[in-house]
PDB file of N, CA and C in Angstrom:
ATOM      1  N   UNK A   1     -30.485  58.117  58.257  1.00  0.00           N
ATOM      2  CA  UNK A   1     -29.738  59.268  57.849  1.00  0.00           C
ATOM      3  C   UNK A   1     -29.554  60.155  59.084  1.00  0.00           C
ATOM      4  N   UNK A   2     -28.342  60.639  59.248  1.00  0.00           N
ATOM      5  CA  UNK A   2     -28.039  61.516  60.369  1.00  0.00           C
ATOM      6  C   UNK A   2     -27.750  62.907  59.841  1.00  0.00           C
ATOM      7  N   UNK A   3     -28.372  63.902  60.462  1.00  0.00           N
ATOM      8  CA  UNK A   3     -28.156  65.294  60.089  1.00  0.00           C
ATOM      9  C   UNK A   3     -27.344  65.948  61.195  1.00  0.00           C
ATOM     10  N   UNK A   4     -26.201  66.482  60.813  1.00  0.00           N
ATOM     11  CA  UNK A   4     -25.355  67.157  61.784  1.00  0.00           C
ATOM     12  C   UNK A   4     -25.644  68.644  61.734  1.00  0.00           C
ATOM     13  N   UNK A   5     -25.782  69.262  62.873  1.00  0.00           N
ATOM     14  CA  UNK A   5     -26.012  70.702  62.938  1.00  0.00           C
ATOM     15  C   UNK A   5     -24.765  71.371  63.494  1.00  0.00           C
ATOM     16  N   UNK A   6     -24.387  72.403  62.849  1.00  0.00           N
ATOM     17  CA  UNK A   6     -23.218  73.162  63.289  1.00  0.00           C
ATOM     18  C   UNK A   6     -23.688  74.536  63.734  1.00  0.00           C
ATOM     19  N   UNK A   7     -23.091  75.008  64.787  1.00  0.00           N
ATOM     20  CA  UNK A   7     -23.372  76.370  65.229  1.00  0.00           C
ATOM     21  C   UNK A   7     -22.141  77.206  64.961  1.00  0.00           C
ATOM     22  N   UNK A   8     -22.352  78.255  64.196  1.00  0.00           N
ATOM     23  CA  UNK A   8     -21.266  79.176  63.895  1.00  0.00           C
ATOM     24  C   UNK A   8     -21.474  80.427  64.736  1.00  0.00           C
ATOM     25  N   UNK A   9     -20.520  80.733  65.580  1.00  0.00           N
ATOM     26  CA  UNK A   9     -20.695  81.928  66.412  1.00  0.00           C
ATOM     27  C   UNK A   9     -20.645  83.195  65.545  1.00  0.00           C
ATOM     28  N   UNK A  10     -21.571  84.085  65.794  1.00  0.00           N
ATOM     29  CA  UNK A  10     -21.620  85.353  65.062  1.00  0.00           C
ATOM     30  C   UNK A  10     -21.393  86.484  66.049  1.00  0.00           C
ATOM     31  N   UNK A  11     -20.650  87.490  65.627  1.00  0.00           N
ATOM     32  CA  UNK A  11     -20.413  88.608  66.546  1.00  0.00           C
ATOM     33  C   UNK A  11     -21.698  89.431  66.735  1.00  0.00           C
ATOM     34  N   UNK A  12     -21.869  89.932  67.904  1.00  0.00           N
ATOM     35  CA  UNK A  12     -23.003  90.777  68.215  1.00  0.00           C
ATOM     36  C   UNK A  12     -22.565  92.228  68.157  1.00  0.00           C
ATOM     37  N   UNK A  13     -23.255  93.030  67.363  1.00  0.00           N
ATOM     38  CA  UNK A  13     -22.886  94.428  67.229  1.00  0.00           C
ATOM     39  C   UNK A  13     -23.270  95.195  68.470  1.00  0.00           C
ATOM     40  N   UNK A  14     -24.469  94.959  68.970  1.00  0.00           N
ATOM     41  CA  UNK A  14     -24.893  95.593  70.203  1.00  0.00           C
ATOM     42  C   UNK A  14     -25.235  97.063  70.076  1.00  0.00           C
ATOM     43  N   UNK A  15     -25.721  97.482  68.920  1.00  0.00           N
ATOM     44  CA  UNK A  15     -26.119  98.865  68.742  1.00  0.00           C
ATOM     45  C   UNK A  15     -27.588  99.035  69.079  1.00  0.00           C
ATOM     46  N   UNK A  16     -27.883 100.093  69.774  1.00  0.00           N
ATOM     47  CA  UNK A  16     -29.272 100.415  70.066  1.00  0.00           C
ATOM     48  C   UNK A  16     -29.870 101.125  68.853  1.00  0.00           C
ATOM     49  N   UNK A  17     -31.179 101.200  68.794  1.00  0.00           N
ATOM     50  CA  UNK A  17     -31.850 101.830  67.668  1.00  0.00           C
ATOM     51  C   UNK A  17     -31.461 103.287  67.483  1.00  0.00           C
ATOM     52  N   UNK A  18     -31.339 104.023  68.579  1.00  0.00           N
ATOM     53  CA  UNK A  18     -30.978 105.445  68.456  1.00  0.00           C
ATOM     54  C   UNK A  18     -29.561 105.626  67.941  1.00  0.00           C
ATOM     55  N   UNK A  19     -28.687 104.678  68.215  1.00  0.00           N
ATOM     56  CA  UNK A  19     -27.325 104.779  67.700  1.00  0.00           C
ATOM     57  C   UNK A  19     -27.307 104.587  66.182  1.00  0.00           C
ATOM     58  N   UNK A  20     -28.147 103.705  65.690  1.00  0.00           N
ATOM     59  CA  UNK A  20     -28.230 103.490  64.251  1.00  0.00           C
ATOM     60  C   UNK A  20     -28.794 104.731  63.573  1.00  0.00           C
ATOM     61  N   UNK A  21     -29.813 105.332  64.179  1.00  0.00           N
ATOM     62  CA  UNK A  21     -30.407 106.553  63.630  1.00  0.00           C
ATOM     63  C   UNK A  21     -29.384 107.682  63.631  1.00  0.00           C
ATOM     64  N   UNK A  22     -28.641 107.835  64.725  1.00  0.00           N
ATOM     65  CA  UNK A  22     -27.609 108.872  64.803  1.00  0.00           C
ATOM     66  C   UNK A  22     -26.535 108.663  63.741  1.00  0.00           C
ATOM     67  N   UNK A  23     -26.138 107.410  63.528  1.00  0.00           N
ATOM     68  CA  UNK A  23     -25.139 107.123  62.508  1.00  0.00           C
ATOM     69  C   UNK A  23     -25.668 107.458  61.124  1.00  0.00           C
ATOM     70  N   UNK A  24     -26.944 107.185  60.859  1.00  0.00           N
ATOM     71  CA  UNK A  24     -27.544 107.529  59.581  1.00  0.00           C
ATOM     72  C   UNK A  24     -27.610 109.028  59.364  1.00  0.00           C
ATOM     73  N   UNK A  25     -27.929 109.774  60.420  1.00  0.00           N
ATOM     74  CA  UNK A  25     -27.981 111.236  60.313  1.00  0.00           C
ATOM     75  C   UNK A  25     -26.596 111.802  60.064  1.00  0.00           C
ATOM     76  N   UNK A  26     -25.580 111.249  60.715  1.00  0.00           N
ATOM     77  CA  UNK A  26     -24.219 111.720  60.509  1.00  0.00           C
ATOM     78  C   UNK A  26     -23.772 111.453  59.083  1.00  0.00           C
ATOM     79  N   UNK A  27     -24.124 110.309  58.544  1.00  0.00           N
ATOM     80  CA  UNK A  27     -23.758 109.980  57.169  1.00  0.00           C
ATOM     81  C   UNK A  27     -24.488 110.889  56.195  1.00  0.00           C
ATOM     82  N   UNK A  28     -25.757 111.143  56.443  1.00  0.00           N
ATOM     83  CA  UNK A  28     -26.543 112.001  55.542  1.00  0.00           C
ATOM     84  C   UNK A  28     -26.038 113.438  55.571  1.00  0.00           C
ATOM     85  N   UNK A  29     -25.521 113.885  56.713  1.00  0.00           N
ATOM     86  CA  UNK A  29     -25.023 115.251  56.791  1.00  0.00           C
ATOM     87  C   UNK A  29     -23.727 115.436  56.018  1.00  0.00           C
ATOM     88  N   UNK A  30     -23.016 114.344  55.748  1.00  0.00           N
ATOM     89  CA  UNK A  30     -21.764 114.463  55.008  1.00  0.00           C
ATOM     90  C   UNK A  30     -21.959 114.353  53.496  1.00  0.00           C
ATOM     91  N   UNK A  31     -23.171 114.043  53.057  1.00  0.00           N
ATOM     92  CA  UNK A  31     -23.446 113.950  51.620  1.00  0.00           C
ATOM     93  C   UNK A  31     -23.643 115.351  51.031  1.00  0.00           C
ATOM     94  N   UNK A  32     -23.328 115.514  49.764  1.00  0.00           N
ATOM     95  CA  UNK A  32     -23.577 116.812  49.121  1.00  0.00           C
ATOM     96  C   UNK A  32     -25.070 117.024  48.935  1.00  0.00           C
ATOM     97  N   UNK A  33     -25.488 118.260  48.653  1.00  0.00           N
ATOM     98  CA  UNK A  33     -26.903 118.523  48.385  1.00  0.00           C
ATOM     99  C   UNK A  33     -27.400 117.674  47.220  1.00  0.00           C
ATOM    100  N   UNK A  34     -28.717 117.473  47.109  1.00  0.00           N
ATOM    101  CA  UNK A  34     -29.249 116.570  46.076  1.00  0.00           C
ATOM    102  C   UNK A  34     -28.816 116.915  44.650  1.00  0.00           C
ATOM    103  N   UNK A  35     -28.730 118.193  44.311  1.00  0.00           N
ATOM    104  CA  UNK A  35     -28.312 118.563  42.960  1.00  0.00           C
ATOM    105  C   UNK A  35     -26.896 118.117  42.651  1.00  0.00           C
ATOM    106  N   UNK A  36     -26.006 118.336  43.586  1.00  0.00           N
ATOM    107  CA  UNK A  36     -24.616 117.922  43.371  1.00  0.00           C
ATOM    108  C   UNK A  36     -24.477 116.410  43.414  1.00  0.00           C
ATOM    109  N   UNK A  37     -25.265 115.763  44.283  1.00  0.00           N
ATOM    110  CA  UNK A  37     -25.223 114.306  44.355  1.00  0.00           C
ATOM    111  C   UNK A  37     -25.648 113.696  43.027  1.00  0.00           C
ATOM    112  N   UNK A  38     -26.673 114.292  42.402  1.00  0.00           N
ATOM    113  CA  UNK A  38     -27.121 113.819  41.096  1.00  0.00           C
ATOM    114  C   UNK A  38     -26.038 114.037  40.037  1.00  0.00           C
ATOM    115  N   UNK A  39     -25.335 115.157  40.124  1.00  0.00           N
ATOM    116  CA  UNK A  39     -24.247 115.448  39.181  1.00  0.00           C
ATOM    117  C   UNK A  39     -23.144 114.398  39.283  1.00  0.00           C
ATOM    118  N   UNK A  40     -22.715 114.130  40.530  1.00  0.00           N
ATOM    119  CA  UNK A  40     -21.628 113.165  40.718  1.00  0.00           C
ATOM    120  C   UNK A  40     -22.084 111.756  40.365  1.00  0.00           C
ATOM    121  N   UNK A  41     -23.356 111.433  40.613  1.00  0.00           N
ATOM    122  CA  UNK A  41     -23.885 110.126  40.243  1.00  0.00           C
ATOM    123  C   UNK A  41     -23.903 109.976  38.724  1.00  0.00           C
ATOM    124  N   UNK A  42     -24.339 111.026  38.034  1.00  0.00           N
ATOM    125  CA  UNK A  42     -24.335 110.990  36.566  1.00  0.00           C
ATOM    126  C   UNK A  42     -22.930 110.855  36.005  1.00  0.00           C
ATOM    127  N   UNK A  43     -21.995 111.556  36.606  1.00  0.00           N
ATOM    128  CA  UNK A  43     -20.605 111.476  36.171  1.00  0.00           C
ATOM    129  C   UNK A  43     -20.054 110.060  36.378  1.00  0.00           C
ATOM    130  N   UNK A  44     -20.406 109.463  37.513  1.00  0.00           N
ATOM    131  CA  UNK A  44     -19.996 108.083  37.779  1.00  0.00           C
ATOM    132  C   UNK A  44     -20.634 107.102  36.803  1.00  0.00           C
ATOM    133  N   UNK A  45     -21.903 107.354  36.453  1.00  0.00           N
ATOM    134  CA  UNK A  45     -22.581 106.483  35.494  1.00  0.00           C
ATOM    135  C   UNK A  45     -21.949 106.578  34.109  1.00  0.00           C
ATOM    136  N   UNK A  46     -21.577 107.788  33.708  1.00  0.00           N
ATOM    137  CA  UNK A  46     -20.894 107.951  32.421  1.00  0.00           C
ATOM    138  C   UNK A  46     -19.592 107.157  32.407  1.00  0.00           C
ATOM    139  N   UNK A  47     -18.861 107.205  33.516  1.00  0.00           N
ATOM    140  CA  UNK A  47     -17.610 106.454  33.584  1.00  0.00           C
ATOM    141  C   UNK A  47     -17.870 104.952  33.637  1.00  0.00           C
ATOM    142  N   UNK A  48     -18.925 104.539  34.350  1.00  0.00           N
ATOM    143  CA  UNK A  48     -19.222 103.109  34.468  1.00  0.00           C
ATOM    144  C   UNK A  48     -19.625 102.503  33.122  1.00  0.00           C
ATOM    145  N   UNK A  49     -20.347 103.269  32.299  1.00  0.00           N
ATOM    146  CA  UNK A  49     -20.772 102.760  31.004  1.00  0.00           C
ATOM    147  C   UNK A  49     -19.742 103.002  29.901  1.00  0.00           C
ATOM    148  N   UNK A  50     -18.610 103.608  30.239  1.00  0.00           N
ATOM    149  CA  UNK A  50     -17.525 103.746  29.287  1.00  0.00           C
ATOM    150  C   UNK A  50     -17.598 104.958  28.387  1.00  0.00           C
ATOM    151  N   UNK A  51     -18.505 105.889  28.657  1.00  0.00           N
ATOM    152  CA  UNK A  51     -18.571 107.104  27.844  1.00  0.00           C
ATOM    153  C   UNK A  51     -17.420 108.042  28.176  1.00  0.00           C
ATOM    154  N   UNK A  52     -16.933 107.960  29.410  1.00  0.00           N
ATOM    155  CA  UNK A  52     -15.816 108.783  29.874  1.00  0.00           C
ATOM    156  C   UNK A  52     -14.872 107.837  30.620  1.00  0.00           C
ATOM    157  N   UNK A  53     -13.579 108.003  30.448  1.00  0.00           N
ATOM    158  CA  UNK A  53     -12.633 107.180  31.189  1.00  0.00           C
ATOM    159  C   UNK A  53     -12.637 107.566  32.668  1.00  0.00           C
ATOM    160  N   UNK A  54     -12.329 106.600  33.550  1.00  0.00           N
ATOM    161  CA  UNK A  54     -12.347 106.856  34.990  1.00  0.00           C
ATOM    162  C   UNK A  54     -11.428 108.004  35.407  1.00  0.00           C
ATOM    163  N   UNK A  55     -10.195 108.081  34.909  1.00  0.00           N
ATOM    164  CA  UNK A  55      -9.349 109.195  35.339  1.00  0.00           C
ATOM    165  C   UNK A  55      -9.913 110.558  34.940  1.00  0.00           C
ATOM    166  N   UNK A  56     -10.557 110.604  33.763  1.00  0.00           N
ATOM    167  CA  UNK A  56     -11.150 111.861  33.314  1.00  0.00           C
ATOM    168  C   UNK A  56     -12.331 112.222  34.201  1.00  0.00           C
ATOM    169  N   UNK A  57     -13.182 111.237  34.529  1.00  0.00           N
ATOM    170  CA  UNK A  57     -14.322 111.494  35.396  1.00  0.00           C
ATOM    171  C   UNK A  57     -13.872 111.938  36.786  1.00  0.00           C
ATOM    172  N   UNK A  58     -12.829 111.301  37.306  1.00  0.00           N
ATOM    173  CA  UNK A  58     -12.310 111.697  38.619  1.00  0.00           C
ATOM    174  C   UNK A  58     -11.755 113.113  38.580  1.00  0.00           C
ATOM    175  N   UNK A  59     -11.035 113.453  37.518  1.00  0.00           N
ATOM    176  CA  UNK A  59     -10.482 114.802  37.397  1.00  0.00           C
ATOM    177  C   UNK A  59     -11.590 115.841  37.287  1.00  0.00           C
ATOM    178  N   UNK A  60     -12.651 115.523  36.545  1.00  0.00           N
ATOM    179  CA  UNK A  60     -13.776 116.463  36.434  1.00  0.00           C
ATOM    180  C   UNK A  60     -14.448 116.632  37.797  1.00  0.00           C
ATOM    181  N   UNK A  61     -14.704 115.532  38.476  1.00  0.00           N
ATOM    182  CA  UNK A  61     -15.356 115.594  39.787  1.00  0.00           C
ATOM    183  C   UNK A  61     -14.542 116.376  40.804  1.00  0.00           C
ATOM    184  N   UNK A  62     -13.255 116.113  40.869  1.00  0.00           N
ATOM    185  CA  UNK A  62     -12.399 116.838  41.811  1.00  0.00           C
ATOM    186  C   UNK A  62     -12.301 118.305  41.423  1.00  0.00           C
ATOM    187  N   UNK A  63     -12.187 118.586  40.137  1.00  0.00           N
ATOM    188  CA  UNK A  63     -12.116 119.976  39.689  1.00  0.00           C
ATOM    189  C   UNK A  63     -13.367 120.758  40.026  1.00  0.00           C
ATOM    190  N   UNK A  64     -14.524 120.148  39.830  1.00  0.00           N
ATOM    191  CA  UNK A  64     -15.783 120.818  40.173  1.00  0.00           C
ATOM    192  C   UNK A  64     -15.883 121.047  41.669  1.00  0.00           C
ATOM    193  N   UNK A  65     -15.492 120.047  42.463  1.00  0.00           N
ATOM    194  CA  UNK A  65     -15.557 120.199  43.924  1.00  0.00           C
ATOM    195  C   UNK A  65     -14.624 121.305  44.410  1.00  0.00           C
ATOM    196  N   UNK A  66     -13.417 121.363  43.868  1.00  0.00           N
ATOM    197  CA  UNK A  66     -12.464 122.400  44.269  1.00  0.00           C
ATOM    198  C   UNK A  66     -12.967 123.783  43.848  1.00  0.00           C
ATOM    199  N   UNK A  67     -13.517 123.884  42.638  1.00  0.00           N
ATOM    200  CA  UNK A  67     -14.032 125.170  42.163  1.00  0.00           C
ATOM    201  C   UNK A  67     -15.225 125.632  43.013  1.00  0.00           C
ATOM    202  N   UNK A  68     -16.115 124.727  43.366  1.00  0.00           N
ATOM    203  CA  UNK A  68     -17.252 125.099  44.215  1.00  0.00           C
ATOM    204  C   UNK A  68     -16.788 125.533  45.599  1.00  0.00           C
ATOM    205  N   UNK A  69     -15.807 124.843  46.136  1.00  0.00           N
ATOM    206  CA  UNK A  69     -15.304 125.204  47.463  1.00  0.00           C
ATOM    207  C   UNK A  69     -14.637 126.572  47.431  1.00  0.00           C
ATOM    208  N   UNK A  70     -13.859 126.835  46.383  1.00  0.00           N
ATOM    209  CA  UNK A  70     -13.191 128.130  46.267  1.00  0.00           C
ATOM    210  C   UNK A  70     -14.210 129.249  46.086  1.00  0.00           C
ATOM    211  N   UNK A  71     -15.245 128.998  45.284  1.00  0.00           N
ATOM    212  CA  UNK A  71     -16.285 129.989  45.076  1.00  0.00           C
ATOM    213  C   UNK A  71     -17.042 130.244  46.374  1.00  0.00           C
ATOM    214  N   UNK A  72     -17.328 129.190  47.116  1.00  0.00           N
ATOM    215  CA  UNK A  72     -18.015 129.341  48.404  1.00  0.00           C
ATOM    216  C   UNK A  72     -17.200 130.148  49.404  1.00  0.00           C
ATOM    217  N   UNK A  73     -15.909 129.918  49.448  1.00  0.00           N
ATOM    218  CA  UNK A  73     -15.058 130.680  50.361  1.00  0.00           C
ATOM    219  C   UNK A  73     -14.961 132.141  49.941  1.00  0.00           C
ATOM    220  N   UNK A  74     -14.922 132.352  48.626  1.00  0.00           N
ATOM    221  CA  UNK A  74     -14.846 133.718  48.123  1.00  0.00           C
ATOM    222  C   UNK A  74     -16.139 134.469  48.468  1.00  0.00           C
ATOM    223  N   UNK A  75     -17.276 133.845  48.307  1.00  0.00           N
ATOM    224  CA  UNK A  75     -18.549 134.474  48.652  1.00  0.00           C
ATOM    225  C   UNK A  75     -18.648 134.730  50.131  1.00  0.00           C
ATOM    226  N   UNK A  76     -18.181 133.788  50.951  1.00  0.00           N
ATOM    227  CA  UNK A  76     -18.215 133.980  52.396  1.00  0.00           C
ATOM    228  C   UNK A  76     -17.341 135.143  52.811  1.00  0.00           C
ATOM    229  N   UNK A  77     -16.193 135.326  52.147  1.00  0.00           N
ATOM    230  CA  UNK A  77     -15.313 136.447  52.439  1.00  0.00           C
ATOM    231  C   UNK A  77     -15.944 137.776  52.059  1.00  0.00           C
ATOM    232  N   UNK A  78     -16.712 137.796  50.992  1.00  0.00           N
ATOM    233  CA  UNK A  78     -17.373 139.037  50.553  1.00  0.00           C
ATOM    234  C   UNK A  78     -18.481 139.430  51.516  1.00  0.00           C
ATOM    235  N   UNK A  79     -19.200 138.472  52.052  1.00  0.00           N
ATOM    236  CA  UNK A  79     -20.293 138.824  52.967  1.00  0.00           C
ATOM    237  C   UNK A  79     -19.753 139.300  54.298  1.00  0.00           C
ATOM    238  N   UNK A  80     -18.595 138.838  54.701  1.00  0.00           N
ATOM    239  CA  UNK A  80     -18.024 139.291  55.969  1.00  0.00           C
ATOM    240  C   UNK A  80     -17.494 140.720  55.866  1.00  0.00           C
ATOM    241  N   UNK A  81     -16.920 141.064  54.736  1.00  0.00           N
ATOM    242  CA  UNK A  81     -16.309 142.396  54.626  1.00  0.00           C
ATOM    243  C   UNK A  81     -17.338 143.472  54.289  1.00  0.00           C
ATOM    244  N   UNK A  82     -18.530 143.090  53.842  1.00  0.00           N
ATOM    245  CA  UNK A  82     -19.538 144.063  53.440  1.00  0.00           C
ATOM    246  C   UNK A  82     -20.315 144.544  54.624  1.00  0.00           C
TER     247      UNK A  82
END
């Protein structure tokens, strides 16, 4: 019996350890705070299990994000003028 071995070339990423850590920190900084992340995760779970349709869940998520952003800007404007 003859066994043939094949070598498949694989690309080398070539990232150093600190680059991977920096990329992880950058990704973590773009995530919402844990409370909001749990909210959006729960909303996604409701849509995944069929309790809420996907378009409705997306509209709720976008609406909440826009409302929070508007509220945050309004509060920031009040602290600057005071």
